[in-house]
Every structure is written in C-alpha cells, then in structure tokens.
Amino acid sequence: MADYVSNPDGKGPAGGWGSLKSIARIYGESWPTPAVLETLARQAAETEQGKPTI
C-alpha cells in the first residue's frame, strides 16, 4: 500500500460522485493484512464481553 497517493483532481469540493469514484478505486487497490483482521476480531470479541479494547 502506498504511503502517498497523488490526487491531481483534488481541487474541487469534497463529496459527490468524484469522491465515490476515488473510494471505489482505492478500495480495489488495497486489502487489509491478516494482522488487521485478527485485531478487529479480537476487539469485537472483547467488546461483546464488556472488556475495554485499549
């Protein structure tokens, strides 16, 4: 995953169809690592048990 993604079209207002297009493009380029999925699963389980996640 890139640390910096240039956005030459980012001169206009935020939101709208252009925003959705950018989100769809980025979603297709990036995937969570297994460690992220494990952390989210652990936090969800702790939340269900009433334990703090931090």
Protein backbone atom coordinates (compact mmCIF):
# COMPACT_ATOMS: atom_id res chain seq x y z
CA MET A 1 0.00 0.00 0.00
CA ALA A 2 1.36 3.40 -0.89
CA ASP A 3 2.12 5.98 1.79
CA TYR A 4 1.21 8.80 -0.57
CA VAL A 5 -1.35 8.78 -3.35
CA SER A 6 -1.37 11.82 -5.59
CA ASN A 7 -4.74 13.34 -6.35
CA PRO A 8 -4.45 15.71 -9.31
CA ASP A 9 -8.25 16.06 -9.47
CA GLY A 10 -8.49 17.11 -5.82
CA LYS A 11 -9.00 20.81 -6.49
CA GLY A 12 -12.80 20.71 -6.31
CA PRO A 13 -15.22 20.27 -3.42
CA ALA A 14 -15.25 17.07 -1.38
CA GLY A 15 -18.05 14.54 -1.77
CA GLY A 16 -20.26 13.66 -4.69
CA TRP A 17 -19.65 11.18 -7.49
CA GLY A 18 -15.96 12.05 -7.73
CA SER A 19 -15.49 11.06 -4.10
CA LEU A 20 -17.30 7.79 -4.65
CA LYS A 21 -15.16 7.07 -7.70
CA SER A 22 -11.98 7.67 -5.68
CA ILE A 23 -13.16 5.46 -2.83
CA ALA A 24 -14.02 2.67 -5.27
CA ARG A 25 -10.60 2.95 -6.91
CA ILE A 26 -8.73 2.86 -3.60
CA TYR A 27 -10.89 0.01 -2.28
CA GLY A 28 -9.91 -2.05 -5.31
CA GLU A 29 -6.19 -1.36 -4.74
CA SER A 30 -5.88 -2.06 -1.02
CA TRP A 31 -6.61 -5.05 1.16
CA PRO A 32 -6.26 -5.43 4.93
CA THR A 33 -3.46 -7.65 6.19
CA PRO A 34 -4.29 -10.77 8.22
CA ALA A 35 -2.99 -8.98 11.33
CA VAL A 36 -5.62 -6.25 10.90
CA LEU A 37 -8.38 -8.81 10.59
CA GLU A 38 -7.14 -10.64 13.70
CA THR A 39 -7.05 -7.39 15.69
CA LEU A 40 -10.58 -6.45 14.63
CA ALA A 41 -11.87 -9.92 15.52
CA ARG A 42 -10.17 -9.75 18.95
CA GLN A 43 -11.57 -6.26 19.63
CA ALA A 44 -15.06 -7.35 18.63
CA ALA A 45 -14.87 -10.34 20.98
CA GLU A 46 -13.61 -8.13 23.84
CA THR A 47 -16.38 -5.61 23.21
CA GLU A 48 -19.01 -8.33 23.38
CA GLN A 49 -17.56 -9.41 26.74
CA GLY A 50 -17.58 -5.84 28.04
CA LYS A 51 -13.78 -5.51 28.19
CA PRO A 52 -12.03 -2.30 27.11
CA THR A 53 -10.18 -2.60 23.80
CA ILE A 54 -7.42 -0.13 24.61
